[in-house]
């Protein structure tokens, strides 16, 4: 469902208002993501999905899952941490969050049966994501990502250093026993989720490098495209969580325009986000834009239905 032209006009006018008062000059800074990573439901769902998928090998060959918090970590520090997993028969690297990664060590085998993994994910009443959506967070085997350390990696670790442009092959996924009419669309959807994740990372890179509104808009446009193709990407949803928490923080200290900027960004990425639209409308009311506020709140009500 698309926003009606009148609604787009309202948001465009509100965005112009923010620009006119100079809100974009004080771009909201993301909070430290540690608290968000602990509470983001999308990241939790992704981690649970990874566990269900990877442990479909059976009790005898059950792998070990370990999380790595790369927040503030440098490339040499991460390399040293990952070297601890080189003795495993295989190690798979997953990135459900921008800073919280998962390493899965397979001690006896590097083969996960796709049929069993699909059943394990589908039979879990708590797992809220599909098997292809879980693969949005897959970065590659340890062997595939270690060559990245040969490059000059300066500053804090970021996911895009280790996610290759070429989508990694899933040689460890045993596809025997899966009917062709199920296998082909499943593998196609897995690939699609990987493509979308790269789009999310492109947006992240644009955001880090942005020095003006044009750069910010480019990042938002990429995230918006990613949202349309996979609204369940946990790294993207984590970013929306951060924006929402930042907005709440700004409101608590009376910075309404900065909060509006956060909500505006959320809406540009996810126009169906009723909470963000409602909060944006309430903020408009706080700054005296009553008519515009009523229009936006009406749209929020429609989205809630």
Protein backbone atom coordinates (compact mmCIF):
# COMPACT_ATOMS: atom_id res chain seq x y z
CA UNK A 1 0.00 0.00 0.00
CA UNK A 2 1.38 3.38 -0.99
CA UNK A 3 0.78 6.67 0.75
CA UNK A 4 -1.84 8.80 -0.96
CA UNK A 5 -0.55 11.89 -2.73
CA UNK A 6 -1.98 14.11 -0.01
CA UNK A 7 -0.05 12.20 2.62
CA UNK A 8 3.17 12.41 0.65
CA UNK A 9 2.58 16.16 0.37
CA UNK A 10 2.19 16.41 4.14
CA UNK A 11 5.43 14.58 4.80
CA UNK A 12 7.26 16.54 2.13
CA UNK A 13 6.08 19.79 3.70
CA UNK A 14 7.11 18.55 7.14
CA UNK A 15 10.53 17.60 5.81
CA UNK A 16 10.92 21.04 4.28
CA UNK A 17 9.97 22.51 7.64
CA UNK A 18 12.73 20.54 9.39
CA UNK A 19 15.23 21.71 6.80
CA UNK A 20 14.09 25.32 7.09
CA UNK A 21 14.63 25.42 10.84
CA UNK A 22 18.06 23.89 10.46
CA UNK A 23 17.35 20.55 12.08
CA UNK A 24 19.54 18.67 9.61
CA UNK A 25 22.51 20.75 10.75
CA UNK A 26 22.36 18.82 14.01
CA UNK A 27 22.03 15.32 12.65
CA UNK A 28 20.91 12.94 15.42
CA UNK A 29 23.81 10.78 16.52
CA UNK A 30 23.08 7.06 17.01
CA UNK A 31 23.25 5.89 20.58
CA UNK A 32 25.74 3.22 21.54
CA UNK A 33 24.10 0.16 19.98
CA UNK A 34 24.84 -2.20 22.89
CA UNK A 35 21.46 -1.72 24.61
CA UNK A 36 19.61 -1.97 21.32
CA UNK A 37 21.33 -5.25 20.49
CA UNK A 38 20.07 -6.70 23.76
CA UNK A 39 16.47 -5.79 23.08
CA UNK A 40 15.96 -5.73 19.31
CA UNK A 41 13.36 -8.42 18.62
CA UNK A 42 14.47 -8.84 15.01
CA UNK A 43 18.05 -9.64 16.03
CA UNK A 44 16.83 -12.10 18.66
CA UNK A 45 14.64 -13.82 16.07
CA UNK A 46 17.55 -14.04 13.64
CA UNK A 47 19.83 -15.59 16.28
CA UNK A 48 17.17 -18.15 17.14
CA UNK A 49 16.75 -18.95 13.46
CA UNK A 50 20.51 -19.41 13.02
CA UNK A 51 20.52 -21.80 15.98
CA UNK A 52 17.64 -23.86 14.58
CA UNK A 53 19.25 -24.02 11.14
CA UNK A 54 22.78 -24.87 12.23
CA UNK A 55 21.78 -27.49 14.82
CA UNK A 56 19.76 -29.48 12.29
CA UNK A 57 22.82 -31.75 11.94
CA UNK A 58 21.64 -33.96 14.78
CA UNK A 59 22.53 -34.44 18.42
CA UNK A 60 25.81 -36.31 17.79
CA UNK A 61 27.28 -33.56 15.61
CA UNK A 62 25.72 -30.61 17.43
CA UNK A 63 27.83 -27.49 16.74
CA UNK A 64 28.86 -24.80 19.19
CA UNK A 65 27.52 -21.27 18.78
CA UNK A 66 29.48 -18.34 20.13
CA UNK A 67 28.75 -14.61 19.91
CA UNK A 68 31.37 -11.95 19.22
CA UNK A 69 30.74 -8.33 20.12
CA UNK A 70 32.81 -6.30 17.65
CA UNK A 71 31.77 -2.94 19.11
CA UNK A 72 34.95 -0.88 19.38
CA UNK A 73 37.09 -3.78 18.14
CA UNK A 74 39.91 -3.26 15.63
CA UNK A 75 40.78 -5.60 12.76
CA UNK A 76 43.89 -7.08 14.52
CA UNK A 77 41.79 -7.73 17.65
CA UNK A 78 39.07 -9.46 15.62
CA UNK A 79 41.63 -11.52 13.71
CA UNK A 80 43.11 -12.73 16.98
CA UNK A 81 39.63 -13.63 18.21
CA UNK A 82 38.74 -15.55 15.06
CA UNK A 83 41.98 -17.54 15.05
CA UNK A 84 40.57 -19.42 18.04
CA UNK A 85 38.08 -21.09 15.70
CA UNK A 86 40.54 -22.37 13.10
CA UNK A 87 40.77 -25.78 14.76
CA UNK A 88 37.11 -26.54 14.10
CA UNK A 89 36.13 -28.77 11.19
CA UNK A 90 34.32 -25.70 9.90
CA UNK A 91 33.21 -22.33 11.20
CA UNK A 92 30.38 -20.23 9.78
CA UNK A 93 30.18 -16.47 10.38
CA UNK A 94 26.79 -14.81 10.77
CA UNK A 95 25.98 -11.10 11.18
CA UNK A 96 22.43 -10.70 12.50
CA UNK A 97 23.45 -7.36 14.00
CA UNK A 98 25.90 -4.69 12.95
CA UNK A 99 28.00 -5.29 16.05
CA UNK A 100 26.91 -8.68 17.45
CA UNK A 101 28.11 -11.53 15.28
CA UNK A 102 27.77 -15.29 15.61
CA UNK A 103 30.40 -17.94 14.96
CA UNK A 104 29.13 -21.51 14.59
CA UNK A 105 31.80 -24.19 15.04
CA UNK A 106 31.16 -27.59 13.49
CA UNK A 107 33.49 -30.04 15.20
CA UNK A 108 32.89 -33.16 13.12
CA UNK A 109 31.20 -32.14 9.89
CA UNK A 110 30.66 -29.19 7.59
CA UNK A 111 27.41 -30.50 6.18
CA UNK A 112 23.99 -29.26 7.23
CA UNK A 113 21.01 -31.02 5.60
CA UNK A 114 18.72 -28.43 4.06
CA UNK A 115 15.63 -30.62 4.47
CA UNK A 116 16.22 -31.01 8.20
CA UNK A 117 17.02 -27.32 8.58
CA UNK A 118 13.80 -26.31 6.83
CA UNK A 119 11.80 -28.62 9.13
CA UNK A 120 13.60 -27.34 12.24
CA UNK A 121 12.82 -23.72 11.39
CA UNK A 122 9.23 -24.39 10.31
CA UNK A 123 8.46 -26.51 13.40
CA UNK A 124 9.68 -23.88 15.87
CA UNK A 125 6.61 -21.94 17.10
CA UNK A 126 8.83 -19.10 18.35
CA UNK A 127 11.01 -18.64 15.25
CA UNK A 128 9.42 -15.72 13.40
CA UNK A 129 11.54 -15.80 10.24
CA UNK A 130 11.75 -18.10 7.24
CA UNK A 131 14.84 -20.10 6.36
CA UNK A 132 15.80 -17.84 3.41
CA UNK A 133 15.40 -14.77 5.66
CA UNK A 134 17.83 -16.32 8.14
CA UNK A 135 20.45 -16.41 5.39
CA UNK A 136 20.30 -12.61 5.11
CA UNK A 137 22.79 -12.64 8.01
CA UNK A 138 25.20 -15.21 6.59
CA UNK A 139 28.67 -13.77 5.83
CA UNK A 140 30.63 -16.87 4.87
CA UNK A 141 32.92 -19.53 6.26
CA UNK A 142 35.93 -18.55 8.33
CA UNK A 143 38.18 -19.44 5.39
CA UNK A 144 36.20 -17.15 3.11
CA UNK A 145 36.38 -14.06 5.32
CA UNK A 146 39.95 -14.36 6.66
CA UNK A 147 41.56 -13.01 3.42
CA UNK A 148 39.96 -9.64 4.21
CA UNK A 149 42.59 -9.14 6.91
CA UNK A 150 45.26 -8.83 4.21
CA UNK A 151 43.77 -5.42 3.34
CA UNK A 152 44.50 -2.24 5.24
CA UNK A 153 41.61 -2.11 7.70
CA UNK A 154 41.71 0.98 9.87
CA UNK A 155 39.35 2.06 12.62
CA UNK A 156 36.59 0.06 14.27
CA UNK A 157 35.41 -3.15 12.66
CA UNK A 158 32.42 -2.84 10.31
CA UNK A 159 30.55 -5.70 8.59
CA UNK A 160 31.26 -4.60 5.02
CA UNK A 161 34.97 -5.36 5.45
CA UNK A 162 34.12 -9.05 5.54
CA UNK A 163 31.04 -9.37 3.34
CA UNK A 164 32.23 -10.10 -0.18
CA UNK A 165 30.58 -8.52 -3.21
CA UNK A 166 30.16 -12.00 -4.61
CA UNK A 167 27.53 -13.99 -2.75
CA UNK A 168 29.25 -16.92 -0.98
CA UNK A 169 28.54 -20.44 -2.14
CA UNK A 170 26.81 -22.71 0.33
CA UNK A 171 28.84 -25.85 -0.25
CA UNK A 172 28.12 -26.95 3.30
CA UNK A 173 24.37 -27.03 2.69
CA UNK A 174 23.37 -30.59 1.79
CA UNK A 175 20.47 -30.20 -0.65
CA UNK A 176 19.93 -33.92 -1.28
CA UNK A 177 16.44 -35.11 -0.51
CA UNK A 178 14.81 -31.76 -1.35
CA UNK A 179 12.45 -31.77 -4.31
CA UNK A 180 13.52 -29.56 -7.20
CA UNK A 181 10.29 -27.53 -7.11
CA UNK A 182 11.08 -26.61 -3.50
CA UNK A 183 14.86 -26.40 -3.80
CA UNK A 184 15.09 -23.93 -6.68
CA UNK A 185 12.81 -21.22 -5.23
CA UNK A 186 14.42 -21.66 -1.79
CA UNK A 187 17.94 -21.16 -3.13
CA UNK A 188 16.72 -18.24 -5.25
CA UNK A 189 15.17 -16.60 -2.17
CA UNK A 190 18.34 -17.18 -0.14
CA UNK A 191 20.32 -15.41 -2.84
CA UNK A 192 17.77 -12.58 -2.89
CA UNK A 193 18.12 -12.08 0.88
CA UNK A 194 21.90 -11.91 0.44
CA UNK A 195 21.51 -9.27 -2.27
CA UNK A 196 19.28 -7.20 0.00
CA UNK A 197 21.77 -7.42 2.88
CA UNK A 198 24.43 -5.95 0.61
CA UNK A 199 22.05 -3.10 -0.14
CA UNK A 200 21.66 -2.51 3.61
CA UNK A 201 25.45 -2.41 3.97
CA UNK A 202 25.70 0.05 1.08
CA UNK A 203 23.30 2.28 2.97
CA UNK A 204 25.39 1.93 6.12
CA UNK A 205 28.52 2.95 4.22
CA UNK A 206 26.75 5.95 2.66
CA UNK A 207 25.56 7.00 6.11
CA UNK A 208 29.06 6.85 7.60
CA UNK A 209 30.53 8.83 4.72
CA UNK A 210 27.69 11.37 4.43
CA UNK A 211 28.80 14.96 4.86
CA UNK A 212 25.62 16.65 3.64
CA UNK A 213 21.91 16.03 3.09
CA UNK A 214 22.57 14.47 -0.32
CA UNK A 215 24.69 11.78 1.30
CA UNK A 216 22.08 11.20 3.99
CA UNK A 217 19.36 10.90 1.37
CA UNK A 218 21.42 8.36 -0.59
CA UNK A 219 21.76 6.18 2.51
CA UNK A 220 18.05 6.44 3.29
CA UNK A 221 17.13 5.57 -0.30
CA UNK A 222 19.19 2.38 -0.16
CA UNK A 223 17.66 1.35 3.17
CA UNK A 224 14.20 2.06 1.76
CA UNK A 225 14.87 -0.20 -1.23
CA UNK A 226 16.11 -2.91 1.10
CA UNK A 227 13.00 -2.61 3.28
CA UNK A 228 10.74 -3.09 0.27
CA UNK A 229 12.58 -6.29 -0.70
CA UNK A 230 13.10 -7.78 2.77
CA UNK A 231 11.21 -6.07 5.60
CA UNK A 232 12.61 -8.66 8.01
CA UNK A 233 16.33 -7.99 7.60
CA UNK A 234 17.48 -7.86 11.25
CA UNK A 235 20.36 -5.44 10.67
CA UNK A 236 18.01 -2.99 8.97
CA UNK A 237 15.34 -3.36 11.66
CA UNK A 238 18.01 -2.84 14.31
CA UNK A 239 18.81 0.50 12.69
CA UNK A 240 15.14 1.50 12.88
CA UNK A 241 15.18 0.52 16.56
CA UNK A 242 18.16 2.79 17.14
CA UNK A 243 16.41 5.69 15.39
CA UNK A 244 13.26 5.15 17.48
CA UNK A 245 15.26 5.05 20.72
CA UNK A 246 17.18 8.16 19.70
CA UNK A 247 13.91 9.95 19.00
CA UNK A 248 12.59 9.00 22.42
CA UNK A 249 15.80 10.27 24.00
CA UNK A 250 15.54 13.60 22.17
CA UNK A 251 11.95 14.04 23.31
CA UNK A 252 12.94 13.40 26.92
CA UNK A 253 15.27 16.41 26.79
CA UNK A 254 12.89 18.59 24.82
CA UNK A 255 14.60 18.38 21.42
CA UNK A 256 11.45 17.94 19.36
CA UNK A 257 12.93 18.82 15.96
CA UNK A 258 15.73 16.29 16.38
CA UNK A 259 13.17 13.66 17.34
CA UNK A 260 11.16 14.55 14.24
CA UNK A 261 14.24 14.04 12.11
CA UNK A 262 14.59 10.50 13.48
CA UNK A 263 10.93 9.72 12.87
CA UNK A 264 11.11 11.21 9.38
CA UNK A 265 14.03 8.91 8.54
CA UNK A 266 12.12 5.88 9.82
CA UNK A 267 9.10 6.83 7.69
CA UNK A 268 11.23 7.32 4.59
CA UNK A 269 12.65 3.82 5.09
CA UNK A 270 9.40 2.21 6.19
CA UNK A 271 6.29 4.25 5.20
CA UNK A 272 4.03 1.65 6.85
CA UNK A 273 5.53 2.19 10.31
CA UNK A 274 2.41 3.38 12.13
CA UNK A 275 4.25 4.16 15.38
CA UNK A 276 6.76 6.44 13.64
CA UNK A 277 3.99 8.20 11.68
CA UNK A 278 1.96 8.71 14.87
CA UNK A 279 4.93 10.06 16.80
CA UNK A 280 5.84 12.33 13.91
CA UNK A 281 2.31 13.70 13.97
CA UNK A 282 2.44 14.27 17.72
CA UNK A 283 5.72 16.14 17.30
CA UNK A 284 4.10 18.37 14.69
CA UNK A 285 1.47 19.23 17.27
CA UNK A 286 4.17 20.09 19.81
CA UNK A 287 5.66 22.70 17.47
CA UNK A 288 2.28 24.26 16.67
CA UNK A 289 1.65 22.71 13.23
CA UNK A 290 -1.87 21.61 14.18
CA UNK A 291 -3.37 21.10 10.71
CA UNK A 292 -0.39 19.12 9.49
CA UNK A 293 -0.43 17.12 12.72
CA UNK A 294 -4.07 16.11 12.20
CA UNK A 295 -3.33 14.88 8.65
CA UNK A 296 -0.36 12.77 9.80
CA UNK A 297 -2.23 11.34 12.80
CA UNK A 298 -5.09 10.40 10.47
CA UNK A 299 -2.60 8.52 8.31
CA UNK A 300 -1.21 6.75 11.40
CA UNK A 301 -4.71 5.61 12.31
CA UNK A 302 -5.25 4.25 8.80
CA UNK A 303 -1.97 2.32 8.98
CA UNK A 304 -2.91 0.86 12.37
CA UNK A 305 -6.05 -0.63 10.87
